[in-house]
N, C-alpha and C. Protein backbone atom coordinates (compact mmCIF):
# COMPACT_ATOMS: atom_id res chain seq x y z
N UNK A 1 -141.60 118.87 82.77
CA UNK A 1 -141.17 117.93 81.76
C UNK A 1 -140.84 118.62 80.45
N UNK A 2 -140.88 119.90 80.42
CA UNK A 2 -140.62 120.64 79.20
C UNK A 2 -139.21 120.37 78.68
N UNK A 3 -138.25 120.10 79.53
CA UNK A 3 -136.86 119.90 79.17
C UNK A 3 -136.57 118.51 78.60
N UNK A 4 -137.51 117.63 78.54
CA UNK A 4 -137.26 116.23 78.20
C UNK A 4 -137.47 115.94 76.72
N UNK A 5 -136.87 116.70 75.84
CA UNK A 5 -137.12 116.54 74.41
C UNK A 5 -136.58 115.24 73.82
N UNK A 6 -135.79 114.48 74.56
CA UNK A 6 -135.30 113.19 74.06
C UNK A 6 -136.11 112.00 74.60
N UNK A 7 -137.04 112.25 75.48
CA UNK A 7 -137.87 111.19 76.05
C UNK A 7 -138.83 110.66 75.00
N UNK A 8 -138.83 109.35 74.77
CA UNK A 8 -139.70 108.74 73.77
C UNK A 8 -140.75 107.82 74.39
N UNK A 9 -140.42 107.19 75.51
CA UNK A 9 -141.32 106.24 76.15
C UNK A 9 -141.65 106.74 77.55
N UNK A 10 -142.94 106.96 77.81
CA UNK A 10 -143.39 107.47 79.10
C UNK A 10 -144.27 106.41 79.75
N UNK A 11 -143.77 105.80 80.82
CA UNK A 11 -144.50 104.74 81.51
C UNK A 11 -144.68 105.14 82.97
N UNK A 12 -145.94 105.35 83.34
CA UNK A 12 -146.27 105.70 84.72
C UNK A 12 -147.34 104.73 85.23
N UNK A 13 -147.26 103.49 84.76
CA UNK A 13 -148.23 102.47 85.13
C UNK A 13 -148.14 102.11 86.61
N UNK A 14 -149.25 101.60 87.14
CA UNK A 14 -149.33 101.08 88.50
C UNK A 14 -149.03 102.12 89.58
N UNK A 15 -149.48 103.34 89.36
CA UNK A 15 -149.27 104.39 90.35
C UNK A 15 -150.56 104.95 90.92
N UNK A 16 -151.69 104.53 90.40
CA UNK A 16 -153.00 104.96 90.89
C UNK A 16 -153.10 106.49 91.00
N UNK A 17 -152.70 107.15 89.95
CA UNK A 17 -152.68 108.62 89.96
C UNK A 17 -154.07 109.22 89.76
N UNK A 18 -155.00 108.45 89.19
CA UNK A 18 -156.36 108.92 89.01
C UNK A 18 -156.47 110.07 88.02
N UNK A 19 -157.66 110.63 87.94
CA UNK A 19 -157.94 111.70 86.99
C UNK A 19 -157.11 112.95 87.27
N UNK A 20 -156.96 113.30 88.54
CA UNK A 20 -156.19 114.51 88.88
C UNK A 20 -154.74 114.38 88.47
N UNK A 21 -154.17 113.21 88.65
CA UNK A 21 -152.79 112.98 88.24
C UNK A 21 -152.62 113.07 86.73
N UNK A 22 -153.56 112.48 85.99
CA UNK A 22 -153.50 112.54 84.53
C UNK A 22 -153.66 113.98 84.05
N UNK A 23 -154.56 114.72 84.68
CA UNK A 23 -154.75 116.12 84.31
C UNK A 23 -153.47 116.92 84.51
N UNK A 24 -152.79 116.70 85.62
CA UNK A 24 -151.54 117.42 85.90
C UNK A 24 -150.46 117.03 84.90
N UNK A 25 -150.34 115.75 84.62
CA UNK A 25 -149.32 115.28 83.68
C UNK A 25 -149.62 115.78 82.27
N UNK A 26 -150.88 115.75 81.88
CA UNK A 26 -151.27 116.16 80.53
C UNK A 26 -150.95 117.63 80.26
N UNK A 27 -150.99 118.45 81.29
CA UNK A 27 -150.69 119.87 81.12
C UNK A 27 -149.21 120.13 80.91
N UNK A 28 -148.36 119.21 81.35
CA UNK A 28 -146.92 119.42 81.25
C UNK A 28 -146.25 118.52 80.22
N UNK A 29 -146.96 117.61 79.64
CA UNK A 29 -146.38 116.64 78.71
C UNK A 29 -146.19 117.29 77.34
N UNK A 30 -145.01 117.84 77.11
CA UNK A 30 -144.75 118.56 75.87
C UNK A 30 -143.67 117.90 75.03
N UNK A 31 -143.30 116.69 75.35
CA UNK A 31 -142.19 116.01 74.67
C UNK A 31 -142.66 115.33 73.39
N UNK A 32 -141.71 114.81 72.65
CA UNK A 32 -142.00 114.05 71.44
C UNK A 32 -142.13 112.56 71.78
N UNK A 33 -142.98 112.25 72.70
CA UNK A 33 -143.17 110.88 73.17
C UNK A 33 -143.88 110.05 72.12
N UNK A 34 -143.38 108.84 71.88
CA UNK A 34 -144.00 107.94 70.91
C UNK A 34 -144.81 106.84 71.59
N UNK A 35 -144.49 106.54 72.85
CA UNK A 35 -145.21 105.48 73.57
C UNK A 35 -145.61 105.98 74.95
N UNK A 36 -146.89 105.84 75.26
CA UNK A 36 -147.42 106.25 76.57
C UNK A 36 -148.08 105.05 77.21
N UNK A 37 -147.67 104.74 78.43
CA UNK A 37 -148.29 103.65 79.19
C UNK A 37 -148.74 104.20 80.54
N UNK A 38 -150.06 104.18 80.74
CA UNK A 38 -150.66 104.62 82.00
C UNK A 38 -151.61 103.55 82.51
N UNK A 39 -151.21 102.31 82.41
CA UNK A 39 -152.05 101.20 82.85
C UNK A 39 -152.16 101.20 84.37
N UNK A 40 -153.29 100.72 84.84
CA UNK A 40 -153.52 100.51 86.27
C UNK A 40 -153.31 101.78 87.09
N UNK A 41 -154.04 102.81 86.73
CA UNK A 41 -153.91 104.09 87.42
C UNK A 41 -155.24 104.66 87.90
N UNK A 42 -156.30 103.90 87.81
CA UNK A 42 -157.62 104.33 88.24
C UNK A 42 -158.07 105.58 87.49
N UNK A 43 -157.77 105.61 86.20
CA UNK A 43 -158.18 106.73 85.34
C UNK A 43 -159.62 106.52 84.92
N UNK A 44 -160.42 107.57 85.05
CA UNK A 44 -161.83 107.53 84.65
C UNK A 44 -162.03 108.44 83.43
N UNK A 45 -163.26 108.76 83.12
CA UNK A 45 -163.57 109.55 81.93
C UNK A 45 -162.93 110.94 81.92
N UNK A 46 -162.91 111.62 83.06
CA UNK A 46 -162.31 112.96 83.11
C UNK A 46 -160.81 112.92 82.85
N UNK A 47 -160.15 111.90 83.36
CA UNK A 47 -158.73 111.74 83.09
C UNK A 47 -158.47 111.42 81.63
N UNK A 48 -159.33 110.58 81.04
CA UNK A 48 -159.20 110.25 79.62
C UNK A 48 -159.42 111.49 78.76
N UNK A 49 -160.34 112.35 79.19
CA UNK A 49 -160.59 113.60 78.46
C UNK A 49 -159.37 114.51 78.51
N UNK A 50 -158.74 114.62 79.68
CA UNK A 50 -157.54 115.44 79.81
C UNK A 50 -156.41 114.88 78.96
N UNK A 51 -156.25 113.57 78.97
CA UNK A 51 -155.21 112.94 78.14
C UNK A 51 -155.52 113.14 76.66
N UNK A 52 -156.78 113.04 76.29
CA UNK A 52 -157.18 113.22 74.90
C UNK A 52 -156.81 114.61 74.40
N UNK A 53 -157.02 115.64 75.23
CA UNK A 53 -156.68 116.99 74.79
C UNK A 53 -155.18 117.12 74.57
N UNK A 54 -154.40 116.41 75.35
CA UNK A 54 -152.95 116.41 75.20
C UNK A 54 -152.55 115.64 73.93
N UNK A 55 -153.23 114.54 73.64
CA UNK A 55 -152.88 113.68 72.51
C UNK A 55 -153.19 114.30 71.15
N UNK A 56 -154.06 115.29 71.11
CA UNK A 56 -154.42 115.89 69.83
C UNK A 56 -153.23 116.51 69.12
N UNK A 57 -152.19 116.81 69.85
CA UNK A 57 -150.98 117.38 69.24
C UNK A 57 -149.83 116.38 69.20
N UNK A 58 -150.08 115.14 69.54
CA UNK A 58 -149.04 114.10 69.58
C UNK A 58 -149.21 113.15 68.39
N UNK A 59 -149.05 113.62 67.18
CA UNK A 59 -149.30 112.78 66.02
C UNK A 59 -148.21 111.74 65.78
N UNK A 60 -147.13 111.74 66.57
CA UNK A 60 -146.08 110.74 66.45
C UNK A 60 -146.31 109.53 67.36
N UNK A 61 -147.40 109.50 68.10
CA UNK A 61 -147.69 108.43 69.04
C UNK A 61 -147.86 107.09 68.32
N UNK A 62 -147.17 106.04 68.80
CA UNK A 62 -147.29 104.71 68.21
C UNK A 62 -147.96 103.71 69.15
N UNK A 63 -147.89 103.94 70.46
CA UNK A 63 -148.49 103.03 71.43
C UNK A 63 -149.17 103.82 72.53
N UNK A 64 -150.39 103.39 72.87
CA UNK A 64 -151.13 103.97 73.99
C UNK A 64 -151.69 102.84 74.82
N UNK A 65 -151.20 102.72 76.05
CA UNK A 65 -151.65 101.66 76.95
C UNK A 65 -152.41 102.29 78.11
N UNK A 66 -153.72 102.12 78.09
CA UNK A 66 -154.59 102.58 79.17
C UNK A 66 -155.36 101.42 79.77
N UNK A 67 -154.79 100.24 79.73
CA UNK A 67 -155.48 99.06 80.25
C UNK A 67 -155.60 99.13 81.77
N UNK A 68 -156.57 98.40 82.28
CA UNK A 68 -156.81 98.26 83.72
C UNK A 68 -157.03 99.60 84.40
N UNK A 69 -157.96 100.37 83.85
CA UNK A 69 -158.39 101.63 84.44
C UNK A 69 -159.90 101.60 84.58
N UNK A 70 -160.54 102.73 84.65
CA UNK A 70 -162.00 102.83 84.80
C UNK A 70 -162.59 103.72 83.71
N UNK A 71 -162.01 103.68 82.53
CA UNK A 71 -162.45 104.53 81.43
C UNK A 71 -163.76 103.98 80.86
N UNK A 72 -164.74 104.86 80.74
CA UNK A 72 -166.05 104.49 80.21
C UNK A 72 -166.25 105.04 78.81
N UNK A 73 -167.51 105.12 78.42
CA UNK A 73 -167.85 105.52 77.05
C UNK A 73 -167.48 106.96 76.73
N UNK A 74 -167.69 107.87 77.67
CA UNK A 74 -167.32 109.27 77.43
C UNK A 74 -165.82 109.41 77.20
N UNK A 75 -165.05 108.74 78.02
CA UNK A 75 -163.59 108.79 77.88
C UNK A 75 -163.13 108.18 76.57
N UNK A 76 -163.74 107.06 76.18
CA UNK A 76 -163.38 106.41 74.91
C UNK A 76 -163.73 107.30 73.73
N UNK A 77 -164.85 107.97 73.81
CA UNK A 77 -165.27 108.88 72.75
C UNK A 77 -164.27 110.03 72.60
N UNK A 78 -163.84 110.61 73.72
CA UNK A 78 -162.85 111.69 73.69
C UNK A 78 -161.51 111.19 73.12
N UNK A 79 -161.12 109.99 73.51
CA UNK A 79 -159.88 109.42 72.98
C UNK A 79 -159.99 109.19 71.48
N UNK A 80 -161.14 108.70 71.02
CA UNK A 80 -161.34 108.47 69.59
C UNK A 80 -161.18 109.74 68.78
N UNK A 81 -161.73 110.83 69.29
CA UNK A 81 -161.59 112.12 68.59
C UNK A 81 -160.13 112.55 68.54
N UNK A 82 -159.43 112.41 69.66
CA UNK A 82 -158.02 112.82 69.72
C UNK A 82 -157.13 111.94 68.85
N UNK A 83 -157.39 110.66 68.81
CA UNK A 83 -156.51 109.73 68.09
C UNK A 83 -156.67 109.81 66.58
N UNK A 84 -157.65 110.57 66.09
CA UNK A 84 -157.78 110.77 64.65
C UNK A 84 -156.52 111.40 64.07
N UNK A 85 -155.81 112.15 64.87
CA UNK A 85 -154.59 112.83 64.42
C UNK A 85 -153.35 111.95 64.50
N UNK A 86 -153.46 110.80 65.16
CA UNK A 86 -152.30 109.93 65.40
C UNK A 86 -152.18 108.87 64.31
N UNK A 87 -151.76 109.28 63.14
CA UNK A 87 -151.71 108.36 62.00
C UNK A 87 -150.65 107.27 62.17
N UNK A 88 -149.70 107.45 63.07
CA UNK A 88 -148.65 106.44 63.29
C UNK A 88 -149.02 105.41 64.35
N UNK A 89 -150.15 105.58 65.00
CA UNK A 89 -150.55 104.69 66.08
C UNK A 89 -150.62 103.24 65.61
N UNK A 90 -149.89 102.36 66.28
CA UNK A 90 -149.87 100.93 65.95
C UNK A 90 -150.64 100.09 66.96
N UNK A 91 -150.60 100.49 68.22
CA UNK A 91 -151.17 99.67 69.29
C UNK A 91 -151.94 100.55 70.27
N UNK A 92 -153.17 100.12 70.57
CA UNK A 92 -153.94 100.76 71.64
C UNK A 92 -154.50 99.66 72.53
N UNK A 93 -154.22 99.78 73.82
CA UNK A 93 -154.62 98.78 74.80
C UNK A 93 -155.63 99.41 75.76
N UNK A 94 -156.86 98.95 75.68
CA UNK A 94 -157.92 99.45 76.56
C UNK A 94 -158.65 98.30 77.25
N UNK A 95 -157.99 97.18 77.40
CA UNK A 95 -158.61 96.06 78.09
C UNK A 95 -158.76 96.37 79.59
N UNK A 96 -159.70 95.71 80.22
CA UNK A 96 -160.00 95.91 81.65
C UNK A 96 -160.40 97.36 81.95
N UNK A 97 -161.37 97.86 81.22
CA UNK A 97 -161.94 99.18 81.50
C UNK A 97 -163.45 99.02 81.64
N UNK A 98 -164.19 100.08 81.49
CA UNK A 98 -165.64 100.05 81.64
C UNK A 98 -166.35 100.43 80.34
N UNK A 99 -165.76 100.07 79.21
CA UNK A 99 -166.34 100.42 77.92
C UNK A 99 -167.53 99.54 77.59
N UNK A 100 -168.56 100.15 77.05
CA UNK A 100 -169.65 99.38 76.45
C UNK A 100 -169.43 99.42 74.95
N UNK A 101 -170.32 98.79 74.21
CA UNK A 101 -170.20 98.80 72.76
C UNK A 101 -170.24 100.20 72.19
N UNK A 102 -171.05 101.07 72.78
CA UNK A 102 -171.17 102.45 72.28
C UNK A 102 -169.83 103.18 72.36
N UNK A 103 -169.16 103.09 73.49
CA UNK A 103 -167.85 103.73 73.64
C UNK A 103 -166.82 103.14 72.70
N UNK A 104 -166.83 101.82 72.54
CA UNK A 104 -165.88 101.16 71.64
C UNK A 104 -166.13 101.57 70.19
N UNK A 105 -167.37 101.74 69.82
CA UNK A 105 -167.71 102.18 68.46
C UNK A 105 -167.24 103.61 68.22
N UNK A 106 -167.42 104.49 69.20
CA UNK A 106 -166.93 105.87 69.07
C UNK A 106 -165.40 105.89 68.96
N UNK A 107 -164.75 105.03 69.74
CA UNK A 107 -163.30 104.91 69.66
C UNK A 107 -162.89 104.45 68.26
N UNK A 108 -163.55 103.44 67.76
CA UNK A 108 -163.23 102.89 66.43
C UNK A 108 -163.40 103.94 65.34
N UNK A 109 -164.40 104.79 65.46
CA UNK A 109 -164.60 105.84 64.46
C UNK A 109 -163.39 106.76 64.38
N UNK A 110 -162.76 107.02 65.51
CA UNK A 110 -161.54 107.82 65.51
C UNK A 110 -160.35 107.03 64.99
N UNK A 111 -160.30 105.75 65.31
CA UNK A 111 -159.16 104.92 64.91
C UNK A 111 -159.15 104.58 63.43
N UNK A 112 -160.26 104.77 62.74
CA UNK A 112 -160.29 104.41 61.32
C UNK A 112 -159.30 105.23 60.50
N UNK A 113 -158.84 106.34 61.04
CA UNK A 113 -157.83 107.17 60.36
C UNK A 113 -156.41 106.63 60.60
N UNK A 114 -156.27 105.72 61.52
CA UNK A 114 -154.94 105.20 61.90
C UNK A 114 -154.56 104.04 60.98
N UNK A 115 -153.97 104.36 59.86
CA UNK A 115 -153.64 103.36 58.84
C UNK A 115 -152.58 102.36 59.30
N UNK A 116 -151.82 102.67 60.35
CA UNK A 116 -150.78 101.77 60.85
C UNK A 116 -151.24 100.91 62.02
N UNK A 117 -152.50 101.02 62.39
CA UNK A 117 -153.02 100.28 63.54
C UNK A 117 -152.88 98.77 63.31
N UNK A 118 -152.21 98.09 64.23
CA UNK A 118 -152.00 96.65 64.16
C UNK A 118 -152.72 95.89 65.26
N UNK A 119 -152.80 96.49 66.45
CA UNK A 119 -153.37 95.79 67.61
C UNK A 119 -154.34 96.70 68.34
N UNK A 120 -155.53 96.16 68.61
CA UNK A 120 -156.56 96.85 69.38
C UNK A 120 -157.03 95.89 70.46
N UNK A 121 -156.79 96.23 71.72
CA UNK A 121 -157.21 95.37 72.82
C UNK A 121 -158.41 95.99 73.52
N UNK A 122 -159.53 95.27 73.45
CA UNK A 122 -160.78 95.70 74.08
C UNK A 122 -161.32 94.63 75.04
N UNK A 123 -160.54 93.62 75.32
CA UNK A 123 -160.99 92.52 76.17
C UNK A 123 -161.36 92.98 77.57
N UNK A 124 -162.21 92.23 78.21
CA UNK A 124 -162.66 92.50 79.58
C UNK A 124 -163.33 93.86 79.71
N UNK A 125 -164.20 94.14 78.75
CA UNK A 125 -165.08 95.30 78.77
C UNK A 125 -166.49 94.78 78.55
N UNK A 126 -167.44 95.66 78.34
CA UNK A 126 -168.84 95.26 78.17
C UNK A 126 -169.25 95.43 76.72
N UNK A 127 -168.60 94.68 75.85
CA UNK A 127 -168.79 94.79 74.41
C UNK A 127 -169.38 93.49 73.90
N UNK A 128 -170.42 93.59 73.10
CA UNK A 128 -171.13 92.42 72.61
C UNK A 128 -170.78 92.12 71.17
N UNK A 129 -171.20 90.99 70.72
CA UNK A 129 -170.90 90.51 69.37
C UNK A 129 -171.36 91.50 68.30
N UNK A 130 -172.55 92.04 68.42
CA UNK A 130 -173.05 93.00 67.43
C UNK A 130 -172.16 94.25 67.40
N UNK A 131 -171.60 94.63 68.55
CA UNK A 131 -170.69 95.77 68.61
C UNK A 131 -169.39 95.45 67.86
N UNK A 132 -168.90 94.23 68.02
CA UNK A 132 -167.67 93.82 67.33
C UNK A 132 -167.88 93.84 65.83
N UNK A 133 -169.06 93.42 65.39
CA UNK A 133 -169.37 93.47 63.96
C UNK A 133 -169.31 94.92 63.46
N UNK A 134 -169.90 95.82 64.19
CA UNK A 134 -169.90 97.23 63.82
C UNK A 134 -168.48 97.80 63.83
N UNK A 135 -167.72 97.48 64.84
CA UNK A 135 -166.33 97.95 64.94
C UNK A 135 -165.51 97.44 63.75
N UNK A 136 -165.70 96.18 63.39
CA UNK A 136 -164.94 95.62 62.27
C UNK A 136 -165.30 96.31 60.95
N UNK A 137 -166.56 96.68 60.78
CA UNK A 137 -166.96 97.43 59.57
C UNK A 137 -166.29 98.81 59.54
N UNK A 138 -166.26 99.47 60.70
CA UNK A 138 -165.66 100.80 60.79
C UNK A 138 -164.15 100.73 60.50
N UNK A 139 -163.49 99.71 61.00
CA UNK A 139 -162.03 99.61 60.90
C UNK A 139 -161.54 98.91 59.64
N UNK A 140 -162.42 98.64 58.69
CA UNK A 140 -162.00 97.89 57.50
C UNK A 140 -160.93 98.63 56.69
N UNK A 141 -160.80 99.94 56.88
CA UNK A 141 -159.75 100.71 56.21
C UNK A 141 -158.38 100.50 56.84
N UNK A 142 -158.34 99.95 58.03
CA UNK A 142 -157.07 99.70 58.73
C UNK A 142 -156.52 98.36 58.24
N UNK A 143 -155.89 98.37 57.10
CA UNK A 143 -155.46 97.13 56.45
C UNK A 143 -154.31 96.43 57.17
N UNK A 144 -153.61 97.13 58.06
CA UNK A 144 -152.52 96.51 58.82
C UNK A 144 -153.00 95.88 60.12
N UNK A 145 -154.27 96.04 60.44
CA UNK A 145 -154.82 95.51 61.70
C UNK A 145 -154.73 93.99 61.69
N UNK A 146 -153.99 93.44 62.66
CA UNK A 146 -153.74 91.99 62.73
C UNK A 146 -154.43 91.32 63.91
N UNK A 147 -154.62 92.07 65.00
CA UNK A 147 -155.17 91.46 66.22
C UNK A 147 -156.16 92.41 66.89
N UNK A 148 -157.36 91.87 67.15
CA UNK A 148 -158.34 92.59 67.95
C UNK A 148 -158.70 91.66 69.11
N UNK A 149 -158.43 92.10 70.31
CA UNK A 149 -158.74 91.32 71.50
C UNK A 149 -160.12 91.74 71.98
N UNK A 150 -161.00 90.77 72.14
CA UNK A 150 -162.39 91.02 72.49
C UNK A 150 -162.76 90.23 73.74
N UNK A 151 -163.80 90.66 74.45
CA UNK A 151 -164.24 89.92 75.64
C UNK A 151 -164.60 88.48 75.29
N UNK A 152 -164.28 87.55 76.19
CA UNK A 152 -164.52 86.14 75.90
C UNK A 152 -165.99 85.76 75.93
N UNK A 153 -166.85 86.63 76.38
CA UNK A 153 -168.28 86.34 76.35
C UNK A 153 -168.98 87.20 75.31
N UNK A 154 -168.29 87.58 74.27
CA UNK A 154 -168.80 88.50 73.26
C UNK A 154 -169.79 87.87 72.33
N UNK A 155 -169.97 86.59 72.38
CA UNK A 155 -170.91 85.95 71.47
C UNK A 155 -171.66 84.84 72.20
N UNK A 156 -172.90 84.68 71.87
CA UNK A 156 -173.72 83.60 72.39
C UNK A 156 -173.43 82.38 71.53
N UNK A 157 -172.75 81.40 72.08
CA UNK A 157 -172.32 80.25 71.30
C UNK A 157 -173.43 79.23 71.14
N UNK A 158 -174.45 79.57 70.42
CA UNK A 158 -175.53 78.66 70.09
C UNK A 158 -175.24 78.11 68.69
N UNK A 159 -174.56 76.97 68.63
CA UNK A 159 -174.07 76.44 67.37
C UNK A 159 -175.18 76.05 66.41
N UNK A 160 -176.36 75.72 66.90
CA UNK A 160 -177.43 75.29 66.01
C UNK A 160 -177.99 76.44 65.17
N UNK A 161 -178.08 77.62 65.76
CA UNK A 161 -178.72 78.72 65.04
C UNK A 161 -177.78 79.87 64.68
N UNK A 162 -176.66 79.97 65.34
CA UNK A 162 -175.82 81.16 65.15
C UNK A 162 -174.42 80.86 64.65
N UNK A 163 -174.10 79.65 64.34
CA UNK A 163 -172.73 79.31 63.96
C UNK A 163 -172.25 80.14 62.78
N UNK A 164 -173.07 80.39 61.80
CA UNK A 164 -172.66 81.18 60.64
C UNK A 164 -172.37 82.63 61.03
N UNK A 165 -173.02 83.11 62.05
CA UNK A 165 -172.82 84.49 62.49
C UNK A 165 -171.42 84.71 63.07
N UNK A 166 -170.78 83.65 63.53
CA UNK A 166 -169.47 83.79 64.15
C UNK A 166 -168.42 84.33 63.19
N UNK A 167 -168.63 84.19 61.92
CA UNK A 167 -167.63 84.60 60.93
C UNK A 167 -167.79 86.04 60.45
N UNK A 168 -168.84 86.71 60.79
CA UNK A 168 -169.10 88.03 60.24
C UNK A 168 -168.01 89.07 60.47
N UNK A 169 -167.37 89.17 61.64
CA UNK A 169 -166.31 90.18 61.76
C UNK A 169 -165.19 89.97 60.76
N UNK A 170 -164.89 88.72 60.41
CA UNK A 170 -163.81 88.43 59.48
C UNK A 170 -164.14 88.89 58.06
N UNK A 171 -165.40 89.07 57.79
CA UNK A 171 -165.84 89.52 56.48
C UNK A 171 -165.22 90.88 56.14
N UNK A 172 -165.09 91.75 57.10
CA UNK A 172 -164.58 93.10 56.89
C UNK A 172 -163.08 93.19 57.14
N UNK A 173 -162.56 92.34 57.99
CA UNK A 173 -161.13 92.34 58.32
C UNK A 173 -160.56 90.93 58.12
N UNK A 174 -160.41 90.50 56.89
CA UNK A 174 -160.03 89.10 56.63
C UNK A 174 -158.64 88.72 57.13
N UNK A 175 -157.74 89.67 57.29
CA UNK A 175 -156.37 89.36 57.76
C UNK A 175 -156.20 89.54 59.25
N UNK A 176 -157.28 89.76 59.95
CA UNK A 176 -157.25 90.09 61.37
C UNK A 176 -157.72 88.90 62.21
N UNK A 177 -157.00 88.63 63.29
CA UNK A 177 -157.41 87.61 64.24
C UNK A 177 -158.20 88.25 65.37
N UNK A 178 -159.39 87.74 65.63
CA UNK A 178 -160.18 88.17 66.77
C UNK A 178 -159.90 87.21 67.90
N UNK A 179 -159.24 87.68 68.93
CA UNK A 179 -158.77 86.83 70.02
C UNK A 179 -159.63 87.10 71.25
N UNK A 180 -160.24 86.04 71.77
CA UNK A 180 -161.08 86.19 72.96
C UNK A 180 -160.22 86.12 74.20
N UNK A 181 -160.43 87.06 75.09
CA UNK A 181 -159.66 87.07 76.34
C UNK A 181 -160.55 87.47 77.50
């Protein structure tokens, strides 16, 4: 792929390439790609790590779609470190993975440098309400952030005792919609 200097959008979704496929692609991906979509490929933490090492030099990246894979906390942490360099990143899709709150928090720590971040999809993962509160505090510097997709069971809806708690994420990101999915 060294010859593909005009390629901007790389979509290899729905191919089930797994970690080995991502590792092979990451070693040859030398283009000025702005959008990468690798959804539904059975990528796990080792594949995310290989992709992260490739992304550290891709500071022009605007979209990263890794939804519907098997990425866990280690992979999210590696991605967070790599994405610190991607100041143009607008959208990251990590819904339908195996992230817990810890992995999502490590990811958010890396994303706080992404001033253009508009959309963060974390739905259908293992993230709880307290994790969302922490993530929103970390991302408060991302003033363009408009949408955060969160798991639909992220909060215990006990209206008698916890109703006031439902508003806490908005305290840090007042212009952001938290969408349950």
